[in-house]
Amino acid sequence: MTEYFSVQLPDDEIRAISSIGLAHLGDAVFELLVRTYLCAHGKATGKGLHRATVELVCAPAQAAAAEKILPMLTEAEQAVFRRGRNANVQSIPKNASRAQYQQATALEALLGWLYLRGEKGRIEELFAAMMEE
């Protein structure tokens, strides 16, 4: 595989990736989306850009974003979300509860899964719903 920006793996290869692996990838996908959103919408400039990014990608904010999209998820997406939520994480950040961290990990796993399936349109749809105020 050489096209990492337009990756599309078969389902059996994606299933072989751990929930933590999916969340690791999904964390990067979410952060890239947030950074792009902030730059494109002129929400912050200079050093405020980093602060704004951190506020949106922290576990409590991701947990809140996950709550917004739960009703939109398909059965397959719900299964991946549950798998991510049940991942065995070893440490919880100080600024988040265990429940928030589990929701954030679930969201990240879902985004990683969708990315590896090549479902950029679905990621965009869900991200737009997350960013609605």
N, C-alpha and C. Protein backbone atom coordinates (compact mmCIF):
# COMPACT_ATOMS: atom_id res chain seq x y z
N MET A 1 0.86 -1.17 0.00
CA MET A 1 0.00 0.00 0.00
C MET A 1 0.90 1.24 0.00
N THR A 2 0.59 2.19 -0.87
CA THR A 2 1.39 3.41 -0.94
C THR A 2 0.56 4.68 -0.87
N GLU A 3 -0.73 4.59 -0.97
CA GLU A 3 -1.59 5.78 -0.96
C GLU A 3 -2.27 5.92 0.40
N TYR A 4 -1.57 6.53 1.34
CA TYR A 4 -2.08 6.61 2.70
C TYR A 4 -3.15 7.69 2.88
N PHE A 5 -3.21 8.69 1.99
CA PHE A 5 -4.27 9.69 2.08
C PHE A 5 -5.58 9.18 1.50
N SER A 6 -5.51 8.20 0.65
CA SER A 6 -6.74 7.65 0.07
C SER A 6 -6.77 6.13 0.27
N VAL A 7 -6.55 5.74 1.50
CA VAL A 7 -6.50 4.33 1.85
C VAL A 7 -7.90 3.72 1.85
N GLN A 8 -7.97 2.47 1.49
CA GLN A 8 -9.22 1.72 1.60
C GLN A 8 -8.84 0.26 1.79
N LEU A 9 -8.92 -0.18 3.05
CA LEU A 9 -8.56 -1.56 3.38
C LEU A 9 -9.79 -2.45 3.35
N PRO A 10 -9.60 -3.73 3.06
CA PRO A 10 -10.72 -4.67 3.15
C PRO A 10 -11.16 -4.83 4.61
N ASP A 11 -12.43 -5.16 4.81
CA ASP A 11 -12.99 -5.29 6.16
C ASP A 11 -12.22 -6.27 7.04
N ASP A 12 -11.76 -7.39 6.46
CA ASP A 12 -11.04 -8.37 7.29
C ASP A 12 -9.71 -7.80 7.80
N GLU A 13 -9.05 -6.96 7.03
CA GLU A 13 -7.81 -6.34 7.49
C GLU A 13 -8.10 -5.30 8.58
N ILE A 14 -9.21 -4.58 8.44
CA ILE A 14 -9.57 -3.59 9.45
C ILE A 14 -9.95 -4.29 10.76
N ARG A 15 -10.67 -5.40 10.66
CA ARG A 15 -11.05 -6.16 11.87
C ARG A 15 -9.83 -6.64 12.64
N ALA A 16 -8.72 -6.85 11.94
CA ALA A 16 -7.50 -7.33 12.59
C ALA A 16 -6.79 -6.24 13.39
N ILE A 17 -7.21 -5.00 13.23
CA ILE A 17 -6.59 -3.88 13.95
C ILE A 17 -7.31 -3.74 15.29
N SER A 18 -6.55 -3.59 16.35
CA SER A 18 -7.14 -3.45 17.68
C SER A 18 -7.95 -2.17 17.80
N SER A 19 -8.84 -2.13 18.78
CA SER A 19 -9.62 -0.93 19.05
C SER A 19 -8.71 0.25 19.36
N ILE A 20 -7.64 -0.03 20.10
CA ILE A 20 -6.69 1.03 20.43
C ILE A 20 -5.98 1.53 19.16
N GLY A 21 -5.68 0.62 18.25
CA GLY A 21 -5.08 1.01 16.97
C GLY A 21 -6.00 1.89 16.16
N LEU A 22 -7.28 1.50 16.11
CA LEU A 22 -8.27 2.33 15.40
C LEU A 22 -8.40 3.70 16.05
N ALA A 23 -8.42 3.73 17.38
CA ALA A 23 -8.53 5.00 18.10
C ALA A 23 -7.29 5.86 17.88
N HIS A 24 -6.14 5.24 17.81
CA HIS A 24 -4.89 5.98 17.56
C HIS A 24 -4.98 6.70 16.22
N LEU A 25 -5.43 6.00 15.21
CA LEU A 25 -5.59 6.60 13.89
C LEU A 25 -6.71 7.64 13.90
N GLY A 26 -7.83 7.29 14.52
CA GLY A 26 -8.97 8.20 14.57
C GLY A 26 -8.67 9.49 15.29
N ASP A 27 -7.79 9.44 16.29
CA ASP A 27 -7.36 10.65 17.00
C ASP A 27 -6.71 11.62 16.02
N ALA A 28 -5.86 11.11 15.16
CA ALA A 28 -5.20 11.95 14.16
C ALA A 28 -6.19 12.48 13.14
N VAL A 29 -7.13 11.65 12.73
CA VAL A 29 -8.17 12.08 11.78
C VAL A 29 -8.97 13.23 12.39
N PHE A 30 -9.39 13.07 13.65
CA PHE A 30 -10.19 14.10 14.31
C PHE A 30 -9.39 15.39 14.47
N GLU A 31 -8.14 15.27 14.87
CA GLU A 31 -7.33 16.47 15.05
C GLU A 31 -7.12 17.20 13.73
N LEU A 32 -6.90 16.48 12.66
CA LEU A 32 -6.74 17.11 11.35
C LEU A 32 -8.03 17.83 10.94
N LEU A 33 -9.17 17.19 11.18
CA LEU A 33 -10.45 17.83 10.87
C LEU A 33 -10.65 19.10 11.69
N VAL A 34 -10.34 19.05 12.97
CA VAL A 34 -10.51 20.22 13.84
C VAL A 34 -9.57 21.34 13.40
N ARG A 35 -8.33 21.02 13.13
CA ARG A 35 -7.38 22.05 12.70
C ARG A 35 -7.83 22.68 11.38
N THR A 36 -8.30 21.86 10.46
CA THR A 36 -8.79 22.38 9.19
C THR A 36 -10.01 23.27 9.41
N TYR A 37 -10.93 22.81 10.24
CA TYR A 37 -12.14 23.58 10.57
C TYR A 37 -11.77 24.96 11.14
N LEU A 38 -10.85 24.97 12.09
CA LEU A 38 -10.47 26.24 12.73
C LEU A 38 -9.82 27.19 11.73
N CYS A 39 -8.94 26.67 10.90
CA CYS A 39 -8.28 27.53 9.91
C CYS A 39 -9.27 28.03 8.87
N ALA A 40 -10.13 27.15 8.39
CA ALA A 40 -11.08 27.52 7.34
C ALA A 40 -12.15 28.49 7.82
N HIS A 41 -12.48 28.43 9.11
CA HIS A 41 -13.52 29.31 9.64
C HIS A 41 -12.98 30.51 10.38
N GLY A 42 -11.66 30.70 10.34
CA GLY A 42 -11.06 31.85 10.99
C GLY A 42 -11.38 31.95 12.46
N LYS A 43 -11.57 30.78 13.11
CA LYS A 43 -11.96 30.76 14.51
C LYS A 43 -10.84 31.20 15.44
N ALA A 44 -9.60 31.06 15.02
CA ALA A 44 -8.49 31.44 15.88
C ALA A 44 -7.27 31.73 15.02
N THR A 45 -6.41 32.55 15.55
CA THR A 45 -5.17 32.85 14.84
C THR A 45 -4.02 32.80 15.85
N GLY A 46 -2.82 32.68 15.33
CA GLY A 46 -1.64 32.70 16.18
C GLY A 46 -1.66 31.64 17.25
N LYS A 47 -1.22 32.02 18.47
CA LYS A 47 -1.15 31.02 19.53
C LYS A 47 -2.53 30.60 20.02
N GLY A 48 -3.55 31.39 19.73
CA GLY A 48 -4.91 31.01 20.08
C GLY A 48 -5.37 29.79 19.29
N LEU A 49 -4.75 29.54 18.16
CA LEU A 49 -5.11 28.40 17.33
C LEU A 49 -4.82 27.09 18.06
N HIS A 50 -3.68 27.01 18.71
CA HIS A 50 -3.35 25.79 19.46
C HIS A 50 -4.33 25.60 20.62
N ARG A 51 -4.61 26.66 21.34
CA ARG A 51 -5.54 26.58 22.47
C ARG A 51 -6.92 26.14 22.00
N ALA A 52 -7.39 26.70 20.90
CA ALA A 52 -8.70 26.33 20.37
C ALA A 52 -8.73 24.86 19.94
N THR A 53 -7.64 24.39 19.36
CA THR A 53 -7.55 22.99 18.95
C THR A 53 -7.62 22.08 20.17
N VAL A 54 -6.82 22.39 21.18
CA VAL A 54 -6.79 21.57 22.39
C VAL A 54 -8.17 21.51 23.04
N GLU A 55 -8.89 22.63 23.05
CA GLU A 55 -10.23 22.64 23.64
C GLU A 55 -11.19 21.72 22.91
N LEU A 56 -11.01 21.55 21.61
CA LEU A 56 -11.92 20.71 20.83
C LEU A 56 -11.51 19.25 20.77
N VAL A 57 -10.23 18.96 20.96
CA VAL A 57 -9.79 17.56 20.85
C VAL A 57 -9.61 16.89 22.20
N CYS A 58 -9.84 17.59 23.30
CA CYS A 58 -9.72 16.96 24.62
C CYS A 58 -10.86 15.95 24.80
N ALA A 59 -10.65 15.01 25.69
CA ALA A 59 -11.62 13.93 25.89
C ALA A 59 -13.03 14.43 26.23
N PRO A 60 -13.21 15.41 27.14
CA PRO A 60 -14.58 15.86 27.43
C PRO A 60 -15.28 16.44 26.19
N ALA A 61 -14.54 17.19 25.37
CA ALA A 61 -15.13 17.76 24.15
C ALA A 61 -15.46 16.66 23.14
N GLN A 62 -14.58 15.67 23.03
CA GLN A 62 -14.85 14.57 22.11
C GLN A 62 -16.05 13.75 22.58
N ALA A 63 -16.18 13.57 23.88
CA ALA A 63 -17.33 12.83 24.43
C ALA A 63 -18.62 13.57 24.10
N ALA A 64 -18.61 14.88 24.24
CA ALA A 64 -19.80 15.68 23.91
C ALA A 64 -20.11 15.59 22.42
N ALA A 65 -19.07 15.61 21.59
CA ALA A 65 -19.27 15.48 20.15
C ALA A 65 -19.84 14.11 19.80
N ALA A 66 -19.37 13.09 20.49
CA ALA A 66 -19.87 11.73 20.25
C ALA A 66 -21.36 11.64 20.55
N GLU A 67 -21.79 12.28 21.63
CA GLU A 67 -23.21 12.25 22.00
C GLU A 67 -24.08 12.84 20.89
N LYS A 68 -23.58 13.84 20.19
CA LYS A 68 -24.34 14.49 19.11
C LYS A 68 -24.60 13.55 17.94
N ILE A 69 -23.66 12.64 17.69
CA ILE A 69 -23.79 11.80 16.49
C ILE A 69 -24.34 10.41 16.76
N LEU A 70 -24.45 10.01 18.01
CA LEU A 70 -24.91 8.65 18.31
C LEU A 70 -26.21 8.29 17.60
N PRO A 71 -27.22 9.18 17.57
CA PRO A 71 -28.46 8.81 16.87
C PRO A 71 -28.30 8.63 15.36
N MET A 72 -27.22 9.14 14.81
CA MET A 72 -27.00 9.07 13.36
C MET A 72 -26.29 7.80 12.92
N LEU A 73 -25.73 7.04 13.86
CA LEU A 73 -24.88 5.91 13.51
C LEU A 73 -25.66 4.71 13.00
N THR A 74 -25.11 4.06 12.00
CA THR A 74 -25.66 2.81 11.49
C THR A 74 -25.36 1.71 12.49
N GLU A 75 -25.94 0.54 12.28
CA GLU A 75 -25.66 -0.60 13.17
C GLU A 75 -24.18 -0.96 13.17
N ALA A 76 -23.57 -0.98 12.00
CA ALA A 76 -22.15 -1.32 11.91
C ALA A 76 -21.31 -0.27 12.63
N GLU A 77 -21.65 1.00 12.46
CA GLU A 77 -20.92 2.07 13.14
C GLU A 77 -21.11 1.99 14.65
N GLN A 78 -22.31 1.65 15.09
CA GLN A 78 -22.56 1.49 16.52
C GLN A 78 -21.72 0.36 17.10
N ALA A 79 -21.56 -0.70 16.34
CA ALA A 79 -20.75 -1.84 16.80
C ALA A 79 -19.29 -1.42 16.96
N VAL A 80 -18.77 -0.66 16.02
CA VAL A 80 -17.39 -0.18 16.12
C VAL A 80 -17.27 0.79 17.30
N PHE A 81 -18.26 1.65 17.47
CA PHE A 81 -18.26 2.60 18.58
C PHE A 81 -18.22 1.85 19.91
N ARG A 82 -19.06 0.83 20.05
CA ARG A 82 -19.07 0.03 21.29
C ARG A 82 -17.73 -0.65 21.51
N ARG A 83 -17.17 -1.19 20.43
CA ARG A 83 -15.86 -1.85 20.52
C ARG A 83 -14.80 -0.87 21.02
N GLY A 84 -14.83 0.36 20.51
CA GLY A 84 -13.88 1.37 20.96
C GLY A 84 -14.11 1.80 22.39
N ARG A 85 -15.38 1.92 22.76
CA ARG A 85 -15.72 2.33 24.13
C ARG A 85 -15.26 1.28 25.14
N ASN A 86 -15.29 0.01 24.74
CA ASN A 86 -14.92 -1.08 25.64
C ASN A 86 -13.43 -1.41 25.61
N ALA A 87 -12.66 -0.63 24.85
CA ALA A 87 -11.21 -0.88 24.78
C ALA A 87 -10.60 -0.75 26.17
N ASN A 88 -9.60 -1.56 26.41
CA ASN A 88 -8.94 -1.56 27.71
C ASN A 88 -7.87 -0.48 27.74
N VAL A 89 -8.25 0.71 28.19
CA VAL A 89 -7.29 1.81 28.28
C VAL A 89 -6.67 1.82 29.67
N GLN A 90 -5.39 2.10 29.73
CA GLN A 90 -4.65 1.99 30.99
C GLN A 90 -4.66 3.27 31.81
N SER A 91 -4.66 4.41 31.16
CA SER A 91 -4.59 5.66 31.93
C SER A 91 -5.63 6.65 31.41
N ILE A 92 -6.21 7.38 32.33
CA ILE A 92 -7.23 8.38 32.03
C ILE A 92 -6.63 9.75 32.31
N PRO A 93 -6.76 10.71 31.39
CA PRO A 93 -6.23 12.05 31.67
C PRO A 93 -6.93 12.69 32.87
N LYS A 94 -6.24 13.59 33.55
CA LYS A 94 -6.79 14.24 34.74
C LYS A 94 -8.04 15.07 34.45
N ASN A 95 -8.12 15.62 33.25
CA ASN A 95 -9.23 16.51 32.93
C ASN A 95 -10.49 15.79 32.46
N ALA A 96 -10.51 14.46 32.51
CA ALA A 96 -11.65 13.70 31.99
C ALA A 96 -12.05 12.59 32.96
N SER A 97 -13.32 12.30 32.97
CA SER A 97 -13.80 11.14 33.73
C SER A 97 -13.56 9.88 32.90
N ARG A 98 -13.66 8.74 33.53
CA ARG A 98 -13.51 7.47 32.80
C ARG A 98 -14.56 7.37 31.69
N ALA A 99 -15.79 7.76 31.98
CA ALA A 99 -16.87 7.69 30.98
C ALA A 99 -16.57 8.60 29.79
N GLN A 100 -16.08 9.81 30.06
CA GLN A 100 -15.74 10.72 28.96
C GLN A 100 -14.60 10.15 28.12
N TYR A 101 -13.61 9.58 28.78
CA TYR A 101 -12.48 9.02 28.05
C TYR A 101 -12.90 7.82 27.21
N GLN A 102 -13.80 7.02 27.73
CA GLN A 102 -14.30 5.87 26.96
C GLN A 102 -15.09 6.35 25.74
N GLN A 103 -15.91 7.39 25.91
CA GLN A 103 -16.67 7.93 24.77
C GLN A 103 -15.72 8.52 23.73
N ALA A 104 -14.70 9.24 24.19
CA ALA A 104 -13.73 9.83 23.27
C ALA A 104 -12.98 8.74 22.50
N THR A 105 -12.58 7.69 23.20
CA THR A 105 -11.89 6.57 22.55
C THR A 105 -12.80 5.90 21.53
N ALA A 106 -14.08 5.77 21.87
CA ALA A 106 -15.05 5.18 20.95
C ALA A 106 -15.18 6.02 19.69
N LEU A 107 -15.27 7.35 19.86
CA LEU A 107 -15.37 8.24 18.71
C LEU A 107 -14.13 8.12 17.83
N GLU A 108 -12.98 8.12 18.46
CA GLU A 108 -11.73 8.00 17.70
C GLU A 108 -11.66 6.67 16.95
N ALA A 109 -12.07 5.59 17.59
CA ALA A 109 -12.07 4.27 16.93
C ALA A 109 -13.00 4.29 15.72
N LEU A 110 -14.17 4.91 15.87
CA LEU A 110 -15.11 5.01 14.75
C LEU A 110 -14.50 5.79 13.59
N LEU A 111 -13.86 6.92 13.90
CA LEU A 111 -13.26 7.73 12.84
C LEU A 111 -12.11 6.98 12.17
N GLY A 112 -11.32 6.25 12.95
CA GLY A 112 -10.24 5.44 12.37
C GLY A 112 -10.79 4.37 11.45
N TRP A 113 -11.85 3.72 11.88
CA TRP A 113 -12.50 2.66 11.09
C TRP A 113 -13.04 3.23 9.78
N LEU A 114 -13.75 4.35 9.87
CA LEU A 114 -14.30 4.97 8.66
C LEU A 114 -13.19 5.41 7.71
N TYR A 115 -12.12 5.95 8.26
CA TYR A 115 -10.99 6.38 7.43
C TYR A 115 -10.39 5.20 6.67
N LEU A 116 -10.16 4.09 7.38
CA LEU A 116 -9.56 2.92 6.73
C LEU A 116 -10.49 2.29 5.70
N ARG A 117 -11.78 2.50 5.83
CA ARG A 117 -12.74 2.01 4.84
C ARG A 117 -12.85 2.95 3.64
N GLY A 118 -12.22 4.11 3.73
CA GLY A 118 -12.28 5.08 2.65
C GLY A 118 -13.56 5.89 2.63
N GLU A 119 -14.24 5.96 3.76
CA GLU A 119 -15.54 6.63 3.84
C GLU A 119 -15.39 8.09 4.27
N LYS A 120 -14.69 8.86 3.46
CA LYS A 120 -14.45 10.26 3.79
C LYS A 120 -15.75 11.07 3.82
N GLY A 121 -16.67 10.77 2.94
CA GLY A 121 -17.95 11.49 2.94
C GLY A 121 -18.71 11.30 4.23
N ARG A 122 -18.69 10.09 4.75
CA ARG A 122 -19.38 9.80 6.02
C ARG A 122 -18.68 10.51 7.17
N ILE A 123 -17.36 10.54 7.15
CA ILE A 123 -16.61 11.27 8.17
C ILE A 123 -17.00 12.74 8.13
N GLU A 124 -17.06 13.31 6.95
CA GLU A 124 -17.44 14.73 6.80
C GLU A 124 -18.84 14.98 7.35
N GLU A 125 -19.77 14.08 7.05
CA GLU A 125 -21.15 14.22 7.52
C GLU A 125 -21.21 14.20 9.05
N LEU A 126 -20.52 13.25 9.64
CA LEU A 126 -20.52 13.14 11.10
C LEU A 126 -19.80 14.32 11.74
N PHE A 127 -18.68 14.75 11.15
CA PHE A 127 -17.94 15.88 11.70
C PHE A 127 -18.78 17.16 11.64
N ALA A 128 -19.49 17.35 10.56
CA ALA A 128 -20.36 18.54 10.45
C ALA A 128 -21.40 18.55 11.57
N ALA A 129 -21.97 17.39 11.86
CA ALA A 129 -22.95 17.29 12.94
C ALA A 129 -22.29 17.57 14.29
N MET A 130 -21.07 17.11 14.48
CA MET A 130 -20.35 17.35 15.73
C MET A 130 -20.09 18.83 15.95
N MET A 131 -19.85 19.56 14.87
CA MET A 131 -19.45 20.95 14.99
C MET A 131 -20.64 21.92 15.01
N GLU A 132 -21.85 21.39 14.82
CA GLU A 132 -23.04 22.25 14.91
C GLU A 132 -23.19 22.76 16.31
N GLU A 133 -23.55 24.02 16.42
CA GLU A 133 -23.71 24.61 17.76
C GLU A 133 -25.14 24.71 18.17
